[in-house]
PDB file of N, CA and C in Angstrom:
ATOM      1  N   MET A   1     -82.071 -90.265 -11.527  1.00  0.00           N
ATOM      2  CA  MET A   1     -83.073 -90.207 -10.483  1.00  0.00           C
ATOM      3  C   MET A   1     -84.438 -89.987 -11.130  1.00  0.00           C
ATOM      4  N   GLN A   2     -85.435 -90.613 -10.566  1.00  0.00           N
ATOM      5  CA  GLN A   2     -86.793 -90.495 -11.092  1.00  0.00           C
ATOM      6  C   GLN A   2     -87.322 -89.078 -10.876  1.00  0.00           C
ATOM      7  N   ALA A   3     -88.141 -88.606 -11.836  1.00  0.00           N
ATOM      8  CA  ALA A   3     -88.654 -87.233 -11.776  1.00  0.00           C
ATOM      9  C   ALA A   3     -89.567 -87.021 -10.569  1.00  0.00           C
ATOM     10  N   TRP A   4     -90.321 -88.027 -10.192  1.00  0.00           N
ATOM     11  CA  TRP A   4     -91.237 -87.865  -9.065  1.00  0.00           C
ATOM     12  C   TRP A   4     -90.502 -87.828  -7.740  1.00  0.00           C
ATOM     13  N   LEU A   5     -89.273 -88.335  -7.723  1.00  0.00           N
ATOM     14  CA  LEU A   5     -88.514 -88.390  -6.483  1.00  0.00           C
ATOM     15  C   LEU A   5     -87.802 -87.068  -6.176  1.00  0.00           C
ATOM     16  N   GLN A   6     -87.531 -86.266  -7.173  1.00  0.00           N
ATOM     17  CA  GLN A   6     -86.786 -85.025  -6.970  1.00  0.00           C
ATOM     18  C   GLN A   6     -87.503 -84.026  -6.065  1.00  0.00           C
ATOM     19  N   PRO A   7     -88.817 -83.742  -6.248  1.00  0.00           N
ATOM     20  CA  PRO A   7     -89.464 -82.816  -5.304  1.00  0.00           C
ATOM     21  C   PRO A   7     -89.446 -83.330  -3.869  1.00  0.00           C
ATOM     22  N   MET A   8     -89.586 -84.652  -3.695  1.00  0.00           N
ATOM     23  CA  MET A   8     -89.558 -85.209  -2.353  1.00  0.00           C
ATOM     24  C   MET A   8     -88.171 -85.042  -1.740  1.00  0.00           C
ATOM     25  N   GLN A   9     -87.125 -85.264  -2.522  1.00  0.00           N
ATOM     26  CA  GLN A   9     -85.766 -85.101  -2.005  1.00  0.00           C
ATOM     27  C   GLN A   9     -85.498 -83.642  -1.653  1.00  0.00           C
ATOM     28  N   ALA A  10     -86.033 -82.701  -2.454  1.00  0.00           N
ATOM     29  CA  ALA A  10     -85.836 -81.282  -2.162  1.00  0.00           C
ATOM     30  C   ALA A  10     -86.499 -80.906  -0.841  1.00  0.00           C
ATOM     31  N   ARG A  11     -87.699 -81.427  -0.583  1.00  0.00           N
ATOM     32  CA  ARG A  11     -88.380 -81.129   0.678  1.00  0.00           C
ATOM     33  C   ARG A  11     -87.626 -81.725   1.871  1.00  0.00           C
ATOM     34  N   ILE A  12     -87.197 -82.969   1.726  1.00  0.00           N
ATOM     35  CA  ILE A  12     -86.489 -83.628   2.833  1.00  0.00           C
ATOM     36  C   ILE A  12     -85.159 -82.942   3.095  1.00  0.00           C
ATOM     37  N   SER A  13     -84.431 -82.609   2.027  1.00  0.00           N
ATOM     38  CA  SER A  13     -83.113 -82.006   2.226  1.00  0.00           C
ATOM     39  C   SER A  13     -83.204 -80.579   2.740  1.00  0.00           C
ATOM     40  N   SER A  14     -84.336 -79.901   2.530  1.00  0.00           N
ATOM     41  CA  SER A  14     -84.469 -78.559   3.092  1.00  0.00           C
ATOM     42  C   SER A  14     -84.767 -78.608   4.585  1.00  0.00           C
ATOM     43  N   VAL A  15     -85.414 -79.688   5.026  1.00  0.00           N
ATOM     44  CA  VAL A  15     -85.717 -79.840   6.448  1.00  0.00           C
ATOM     45  C   VAL A  15     -84.562 -80.507   7.184  1.00  0.00           C
ATOM     46  N   ARG A  16     -83.979 -81.537   6.569  1.00  0.00           N
ATOM     47  CA  ARG A  16     -82.864 -82.272   7.159  1.00  0.00           C
ATOM     48  C   ARG A  16     -81.676 -82.231   6.211  1.00  0.00           C
ATOM     49  N   PRO A  17     -80.844 -81.187   6.246  1.00  0.00           N
ATOM     50  CA  PRO A  17     -79.739 -81.053   5.302  1.00  0.00           C
ATOM     51  C   PRO A  17     -78.737 -82.195   5.359  1.00  0.00           C
ATOM     52  N   SER A  18     -78.646 -82.892   6.479  1.00  0.00           N
ATOM     53  CA  SER A  18     -77.682 -83.988   6.574  1.00  0.00           C
ATOM     54  C   SER A  18     -78.080 -85.173   5.706  1.00  0.00           C
ATOM     55  N   LEU A  19     -79.345 -85.239   5.284  1.00  0.00           N
ATOM     56  CA  LEU A  19     -79.813 -86.326   4.426  1.00  0.00           C
ATOM     57  C   LEU A  19     -79.711 -85.979   2.945  1.00  0.00           C
ATOM     58  N   ALA A  20     -79.111 -84.872   2.600  1.00  0.00           N
ATOM     59  CA  ALA A  20     -79.074 -84.412   1.208  1.00  0.00           C
ATOM     60  C   ALA A  20     -78.083 -85.189   0.355  1.00  0.00           C
ATOM     61  N   LEU A  21     -77.363 -86.099   0.915  1.00  0.00           N
ATOM     62  CA  LEU A  21     -76.465 -86.989   0.179  1.00  0.00           C
ATOM     63  C   LEU A  21     -75.410 -86.235  -0.614  1.00  0.00           C
ATOM     64  N   GLY A  22     -74.497 -85.603   0.104  1.00  0.00           N
ATOM     65  CA  GLY A  22     -73.361 -84.980  -0.552  1.00  0.00           C
ATOM     66  C   GLY A  22     -73.525 -83.507  -0.871  1.00  0.00           C
ATOM     67  N   TYR A  23     -74.608 -82.881  -0.452  1.00  0.00           N
ATOM     68  CA  TYR A  23     -74.813 -81.466  -0.752  1.00  0.00           C
ATOM     69  C   TYR A  23     -74.534 -80.574   0.443  1.00  0.00           C
ATOM     70  N   GLY A  24     -73.915 -81.076   1.460  1.00  0.00           N
ATOM     71  CA  GLY A  24     -73.563 -80.271   2.610  1.00  0.00           C
ATOM     72  C   GLY A  24     -74.543 -80.442   3.746  1.00  0.00           C
ATOM     73  N   GLY A  25     -74.214 -79.815   4.851  1.00  0.00           N
ATOM     74  CA  GLY A  25     -75.046 -79.932   6.041  1.00  0.00           C
ATOM     75  C   GLY A  25     -75.777 -78.637   6.329  1.00  0.00           C
ATOM     76  N   ALA A  26     -76.089 -78.451   7.596  1.00  0.00           N
ATOM     77  CA  ALA A  26     -76.834 -77.273   8.022  1.00  0.00           C
ATOM     78  C   ALA A  26     -76.019 -75.999   7.808  1.00  0.00           C
ATOM     79  N   THR A  27     -74.708 -76.073   8.018  1.00  0.00           N
ATOM     80  CA  THR A  27     -73.862 -74.891   7.845  1.00  0.00           C
ATOM     81  C   THR A  27     -73.929 -74.366   6.420  1.00  0.00           C
ATOM     82  N   GLU A  28     -73.846 -75.280   5.458  1.00  0.00           N
ATOM     83  CA  GLU A  28     -73.895 -74.869   4.054  1.00  0.00           C
ATOM     84  C   GLU A  28     -75.271 -74.324   3.677  1.00  0.00           C
ATOM     85  N   SER A  29     -76.321 -74.916   4.242  1.00  0.00           N
ATOM     86  CA  SER A  29     -77.675 -74.433   3.952  1.00  0.00           C
ATOM     87  C   SER A  29     -77.882 -73.025   4.497  1.00  0.00           C
ATOM     88  N   PHE A  30     -77.441 -72.785   5.746  1.00  0.00           N
ATOM     89  CA  PHE A  30     -77.569 -71.447   6.329  1.00  0.00           C
ATOM     90  C   PHE A  30     -76.716 -70.432   5.573  1.00  0.00           C
ATOM     91  N   LEU A  31     -75.562 -70.855   5.109  1.00  0.00           N
ATOM     92  CA  LEU A  31     -74.707 -69.987   4.321  1.00  0.00           C
ATOM     93  C   LEU A  31     -75.393 -69.606   3.002  1.00  0.00           C
ATOM     94  N   ALA A  32     -76.007 -70.569   2.348  1.00  0.00           N
ATOM     95  CA  ALA A  32     -76.701 -70.298   1.085  1.00  0.00           C
ATOM     96  C   ALA A  32     -77.874 -69.345   1.288  1.00  0.00           C
ATOM     97  N   VAL A  33     -78.664 -69.558   2.328  1.00  0.00           N
ATOM     98  CA  VAL A  33     -79.793 -68.668   2.613  1.00  0.00           C
ATOM     99  C   VAL A  33     -79.287 -67.275   2.969  1.00  0.00           C
ATOM    100  N   GLY A  34     -78.182 -67.194   3.708  1.00  0.00           N
ATOM    101  CA  GLY A  34     -77.599 -65.893   4.051  1.00  0.00           C
ATOM    102  C   GLY A  34     -77.137 -65.134   2.818  1.00  0.00           C
ATOM    103  N   ILE A  35     -76.513 -65.839   1.872  1.00  0.00           N
ATOM    104  CA  ILE A  35     -76.075 -65.189   0.634  1.00  0.00           C
ATOM    105  C   ILE A  35     -77.273 -64.679  -0.160  1.00  0.00           C
ATOM    106  N   LEU A  36     -78.338 -65.463  -0.214  1.00  0.00           N
ATOM    107  CA  LEU A  36     -79.538 -65.005  -0.916  1.00  0.00           C
ATOM    108  C   LEU A  36     -80.142 -63.771  -0.250  1.00  0.00           C
ATOM    109  N   LEU A  37     -80.180 -63.747   1.081  1.00  0.00           N
ATOM    110  CA  LEU A  37     -80.726 -62.581   1.781  1.00  0.00           C
ATOM    111  C   LEU A  37     -79.854 -61.341   1.566  1.00  0.00           C
ATOM    112  N   ILE A  38     -78.542 -61.527   1.546  1.00  0.00           N
ATOM    113  CA  ILE A  38     -77.649 -60.393   1.282  1.00  0.00           C
ATOM    114  C   ILE A  38     -77.871 -59.856  -0.129  1.00  0.00           C
ATOM    115  N   SER A  39     -78.077 -60.737  -1.092  1.00  0.00           N
ATOM    116  CA  SER A  39     -78.301 -60.275  -2.471  1.00  0.00           C
ATOM    117  C   SER A  39     -79.610 -59.498  -2.592  1.00  0.00           C
ATOM    118  N   VAL A  40     -80.644 -59.908  -1.869  1.00  0.00           N
ATOM    119  CA  VAL A  40     -81.906 -59.163  -1.894  1.00  0.00           C
ATOM    120  C   VAL A  40     -81.721 -57.793  -1.236  1.00  0.00           C
ATOM    121  N   ALA A  41     -80.972 -57.738  -0.147  1.00  0.00           N
ATOM    122  CA  ALA A  41     -80.723 -56.460   0.518  1.00  0.00           C
ATOM    123  C   ALA A  41     -79.913 -55.523  -0.378  1.00  0.00           C
ATOM    124  N   LEU A  42     -78.911 -56.050  -1.097  1.00  0.00           N
ATOM    125  CA  LEU A  42     -78.126 -55.217  -2.006  1.00  0.00           C
ATOM    126  C   LEU A  42     -78.964 -54.726  -3.184  1.00  0.00           C
ATOM    127  N   TYR A  43     -79.881 -55.560  -3.667  1.00  0.00           N
ATOM    128  CA  TYR A  43     -80.783 -55.129  -4.742  1.00  0.00           C
ATOM    129  C   TYR A  43     -81.668 -53.974  -4.256  1.00  0.00           C
ATOM    130  N   ALA A  44     -82.211 -54.103  -3.053  1.00  0.00           N
ATOM    131  CA  ALA A  44     -83.061 -53.049  -2.502  1.00  0.00           C
ATOM    132  C   ALA A  44     -82.259 -51.761  -2.313  1.00  0.00           C
ATOM    133  N   TYR A  45     -81.030 -51.855  -1.829  1.00  0.00           N
ATOM    134  CA  TYR A  45     -80.183 -50.679  -1.651  1.00  0.00           C
ATOM    135  C   TYR A  45     -79.924 -49.985  -2.989  1.00  0.00           C
ATOM    136  N   ARG A  46     -79.616 -50.779  -4.019  1.00  0.00           N
ATOM    137  CA  ARG A  46     -79.346 -50.178  -5.333  1.00  0.00           C
ATOM    138  C   ARG A  46     -80.575 -49.476  -5.884  1.00  0.00           C
ATOM    139  N   ARG A  47     -81.739 -50.104  -5.784  1.00  0.00           N
ATOM    140  CA  ARG A  47     -82.948 -49.496  -6.344  1.00  0.00           C
ATOM    141  C   ARG A  47     -83.352 -48.234  -5.580  1.00  0.00           C
ATOM    142  N   VAL A  48     -83.312 -48.275  -4.257  1.00  0.00           N
ATOM    143  CA  VAL A  48     -83.820 -47.160  -3.452  1.00  0.00           C
ATOM    144  C   VAL A  48     -82.789 -46.041  -3.340  1.00  0.00           C
ATOM    145  N   VAL A  49     -81.560 -46.367  -2.971  1.00  0.00           N
ATOM    146  CA  VAL A  49     -80.558 -45.344  -2.689  1.00  0.00           C
ATOM    147  C   VAL A  49     -79.878 -44.861  -3.966  1.00  0.00           C
ATOM    148  N   GLN A  50     -79.365 -45.783  -4.773  1.00  0.00           N
ATOM    149  CA  GLN A  50     -78.594 -45.370  -5.933  1.00  0.00           C
ATOM    150  C   GLN A  50     -79.475 -44.927  -7.100  1.00  0.00           C
ATOM    151  N   ASP A  51     -80.540 -45.679  -7.398  1.00  0.00           N
ATOM    152  CA  ASP A  51     -81.397 -45.327  -8.532  1.00  0.00           C
ATOM    153  C   ASP A  51     -82.492 -44.338  -8.155  1.00  0.00           C
ATOM    154  N   GLY A  52     -82.834 -44.269  -6.875  1.00  0.00           N
ATOM    155  CA  GLY A  52     -83.894 -43.364  -6.430  1.00  0.00           C
ATOM    156  C   GLY A  52     -85.273 -43.811  -6.882  1.00  0.00           C
ATOM    157  N   GLN A  53     -85.483 -45.110  -7.021  1.00  0.00           N
ATOM    158  CA  GLN A  53     -86.773 -45.655  -7.462  1.00  0.00           C
ATOM    159  C   GLN A  53     -87.304 -46.613  -6.408  1.00  0.00           C
ATOM    160  N   ARG A  54     -88.575 -46.985  -6.593  1.00  0.00           N
ATOM    161  CA  ARG A  54     -89.170 -47.979  -5.710  1.00  0.00           C
ATOM    162  C   ARG A  54     -88.606 -49.356  -6.027  1.00  0.00           C
ATOM    163  N   ILE A  55     -88.734 -50.262  -5.068  1.00  0.00           N
ATOM    164  CA  ILE A  55     -88.318 -51.641  -5.307  1.00  0.00           C
ATOM    165  C   ILE A  55     -89.336 -52.282  -6.237  1.00  0.00           C
ATOM    166  N   ALA A  56     -88.866 -52.825  -7.338  1.00  0.00           N
ATOM    167  CA  ALA A  56     -89.740 -53.458  -8.310  1.00  0.00           C
ATOM    168  C   ALA A  56     -89.444 -54.947  -8.335  1.00  0.00           C
ATOM    169  N   TRP A  57     -90.347 -55.742  -7.771  1.00  0.00           N
ATOM    170  CA  TRP A  57     -90.143 -57.188  -7.766  1.00  0.00           C
ATOM    171  C   TRP A  57     -90.532 -57.793  -9.108  1.00  0.00           C
ATOM    172  N   ARG A  58     -91.425 -57.106  -9.820  1.00  0.00           N
ATOM    173  CA  ARG A  58     -91.820 -57.569 -11.142  1.00  0.00           C
ATOM    174  C   ARG A  58     -91.832 -56.357 -12.063  1.00  0.00           C
ATOM    175  N   ILE A  59     -90.980 -56.369 -13.071  1.00  0.00           N
ATOM    176  CA  ILE A  59     -90.883 -55.248 -14.004  1.00  0.00           C
ATOM    177  C   ILE A  59     -91.666 -55.601 -15.259  1.00  0.00           C
ATOM    178  N   GLU A  60     -92.680 -54.802 -15.550  1.00  0.00           N
ATOM    179  CA  GLU A  60     -93.513 -55.042 -16.727  1.00  0.00           C
ATOM    180  C   GLU A  60     -92.773 -54.582 -17.980  1.00  0.00           C
ATOM    181  N   PRO A  61     -92.841 -55.345 -19.054  1.00  0.00           N
ATOM    182  CA  PRO A  61     -92.185 -54.917 -20.293  1.00  0.00           C
ATOM    183  C   PRO A  61     -92.950 -53.759 -20.921  1.00  0.00           C
ATOM    184  N   PRO A  62     -92.256 -52.877 -21.630  1.00  0.00           N
ATOM    185  CA  PRO A  62     -92.958 -51.762 -22.273  1.00  0.00           C
ATOM    186  C   PRO A  62     -93.849 -52.273 -23.402  1.00  0.00           C
ATOM    187  N   LEU A  63     -94.969 -51.575 -23.591  1.00  0.00           N
ATOM    188  CA  LEU A  63     -95.894 -51.948 -24.655  1.00  0.00           C
ATOM    189  C   LEU A  63     -95.342 -51.465 -25.990  1.00  0.00           C
ATOM    190  N   VAL A  64     -95.453 -52.291 -27.002  1.00  0.00           N
ATOM    191  CA  VAL A  64     -94.958 -51.960 -28.332  1.00  0.00           C
ATOM    192  C   VAL A  64     -96.172 -51.753 -29.235  1.00  0.00           C
ATOM    193  N   PRO A  65     -96.237 -50.622 -29.936  1.00  0.00           N
ATOM    194  CA  PRO A  65     -97.357 -50.440 -30.860  1.00  0.00           C
ATOM    195  C   PRO A  65     -97.348 -51.525 -31.932  1.00  0.00           C
ATOM    196  N   GLU A  66     -98.525 -51.917 -32.385  1.00  0.00           N
ATOM    197  CA  GLU A  66     -98.633 -53.015 -33.344  1.00  0.00           C
ATOM    198  C   GLU A  66     -97.974 -52.687 -34.679  1.00  0.00           C
ATOM    199  N   ASP A  67     -98.034 -51.432 -35.120  1.00  0.00           N
ATOM    200  CA  ASP A  67     -97.468 -51.104 -36.423  1.00  0.00           C
ATOM    201  C   ASP A  67     -95.943 -51.109 -36.406  1.00  0.00           C
ATOM    202  N   GLU A  68     -95.314 -51.024 -35.236  1.00  0.00           N
ATOM    203  CA  GLU A  68     -93.855 -51.045 -35.155  1.00  0.00           C
ATOM    204  C   GLU A  68     -93.331 -52.358 -34.572  1.00  0.00           C
ATOM    205  N   ALA A  69     -94.210 -53.306 -34.365  1.00  0.00           N
ATOM    206  CA  ALA A  69     -93.796 -54.547 -33.720  1.00  0.00           C
ATOM    207  C   ALA A  69     -92.859 -55.360 -34.605  1.00  0.00           C
ATOM    208  N   ALA A  70     -93.170 -55.491 -35.877  1.00  0.00           N
ATOM    209  CA  ALA A  70     -92.337 -56.282 -36.777  1.00  0.00           C
ATOM    210  C   ALA A  70     -91.486 -55.351 -37.626  1.00  0.00           C
ATOM    211  N   PRO A  71     -90.187 -55.580 -37.699  1.00  0.00           N
ATOM    212  CA  PRO A  71     -89.343 -54.718 -38.540  1.00  0.00           C
ATOM    213  C   PRO A  71     -89.671 -54.938 -40.022  1.00  0.00           C
ATOM    214  N   GLN A  72     -89.666 -53.850 -40.752  1.00  0.00           N
ATOM    215  CA  GLN A  72     -89.967 -53.910 -42.176  1.00  0.00           C
ATOM    216  C   GLN A  72     -88.676 -54.155 -42.954  1.00  0.00           C
ATOM    217  N   PRO A  73     -88.757 -54.914 -44.060  1.00  0.00           N
ATOM    218  CA  PRO A  73     -87.553 -55.111 -44.873  1.00  0.00           C
ATOM    219  C   PRO A  73     -87.162 -53.804 -45.549  1.00  0.00           C
ATOM    220  N   PRO A  74     -85.879 -53.612 -45.817  1.00  0.00           N
ATOM    221  CA  PRO A  74     -85.465 -52.358 -46.448  1.00  0.00           C
ATOM    222  C   PRO A  74     -86.026 -52.241 -47.863  1.00  0.00           C
ATOM    223  N   ASN A  75     -86.268 -51.002 -48.240  1.00  0.00           N
ATOM    224  CA  ASN A  75     -86.773 -50.725 -49.579  1.00  0.00           C
ATOM    225  C   ASN A  75     -85.639 -50.984 -50.567  1.00  0.00           C
ATOM    226  N   SER A  76     -85.925 -51.674 -51.664  1.00  0.00           N
ATOM    227  CA  SER A  76     -84.871 -52.017 -52.616  1.00  0.00           C
ATOM    228  C   SER A  76     -84.309 -50.776 -53.306  1.00  0.00           C
ATOM    229  N   ALA A  77     -85.078 -49.703 -53.381  1.00  0.00           N
ATOM    230  CA  ALA A  77     -84.592 -48.485 -54.028  1.00  0.00           C
ATOM    231  C   ALA A  77     -83.608 -47.725 -53.134  1.00  0.00           C
ATOM    232  N   THR A  78     -83.756 -47.846 -51.814  1.00  0.00           N
ATOM    233  CA  THR A  78     -82.897 -47.098 -50.901  1.00  0.00           C
ATOM    234  C   THR A  78     -81.837 -47.979 -50.248  1.00  0.00           C
ATOM    235  N   ALA A  79     -81.878 -49.276 -50.483  1.00  0.00           N
ATOM    236  CA  ALA A  79     -80.906 -50.179 -49.870  1.00  0.00           C
ATOM    237  C   ALA A  79     -79.534 -49.970 -50.504  1.00  0.00           C
ATOM    238  N   ARG A  80     -78.493 -50.174 -49.722  1.00  0.00           N
ATOM    239  CA  ARG A  80     -77.130 -50.019 -50.233  1.00  0.00           C
ATOM    240  C   ARG A  80     -76.819 -51.149 -51.197  1.00  0.00           C
ATOM    241  N   PRO A  81     -76.223 -50.848 -52.320  1.00  0.00           N
ATOM    242  CA  PRO A  81     -75.881 -51.915 -53.264  1.00  0.00           C
ATOM    243  C   PRO A  81     -74.700 -52.737 -52.721  1.00  0.00           C
ATOM    244  N   THR A  82     -74.663 -53.989 -53.078  1.00  0.00           N
ATOM    245  CA  THR A  82     -73.544 -54.837 -52.662  1.00  0.00           C
ATOM    246  C   THR A  82     -72.423 -54.668 -53.682  1.00  0.00           C
ATOM    247  N   ILE A  83     -71.210 -54.669 -53.193  1.00  0.00           N
ATOM    248  CA  ILE A  83     -70.050 -54.507 -54.051  1.00  0.00           C
ATOM    249  C   ILE A  83     -69.446 -55.886 -54.280  1.00  0.00           C
ATOM    250  N   ARG A  84     -69.377 -56.276 -55.512  1.00  0.00           N
ATOM    251  CA  ARG A  84     -68.826 -57.577 -55.852  1.00  0.00           C
ATOM    252  C   ARG A  84     -67.388 -57.408 -56.300  1.00  0.00           C
ATOM    253  N   SER A  85     -66.575 -58.335 -55.882  1.00  0.00           N
ATOM    254  CA  SER A  85     -65.156 -58.272 -56.224  1.00  0.00           C
ATOM    255  C   SER A  85     -64.869 -59.239 -57.370  1.00  0.00           C
ATOM    256  N   ASN A  86     -63.926 -58.843 -58.237  1.00  0.00           N
ATOM    257  CA  ASN A  86     -63.522 -59.704 -59.341  1.00  0.00           C
ATOM    258  C   ASN A  86     -62.317 -60.567 -58.971  1.00  0.00           C
ATOM    259  N   ARG A  87     -61.892 -60.519 -57.725  1.00  0.00           N
ATOM    260  CA  ARG A  87     -60.731 -61.286 -57.299  1.00  0.00           C
ATOM    261  C   ARG A  87     -61.071 -62.773 -57.241  1.00  0.00           C
ATOM    262  N   SER A  88     -60.070 -63.571 -57.539  1.00  0.00           N
ATOM    263  CA  SER A  88     -60.279 -65.027 -57.523  1.00  0.00           C
ATOM    264  C   SER A  88     -59.768 -65.617 -56.247  1.00  0.00           C
TER     265      SER A  88
END
């Protein structure tokens, strides 16, 4: 399928599910939206009731100091020596 046609098909199939060509009808669309709404409600319940935190729709990553951002290679004096075997 052409790339420009996919957004148009998504819009048409969201309005008229019977035209989605094998992806189900209105019942399947309502079922999918219902499952998504239930998952959002369960996420909110877990964050508020179980974790005791606010609902976070966007979680910011923690800031990393610049001097600890890149791991340093081990010092050759303190690194563990490799044990070589004489077995053939």
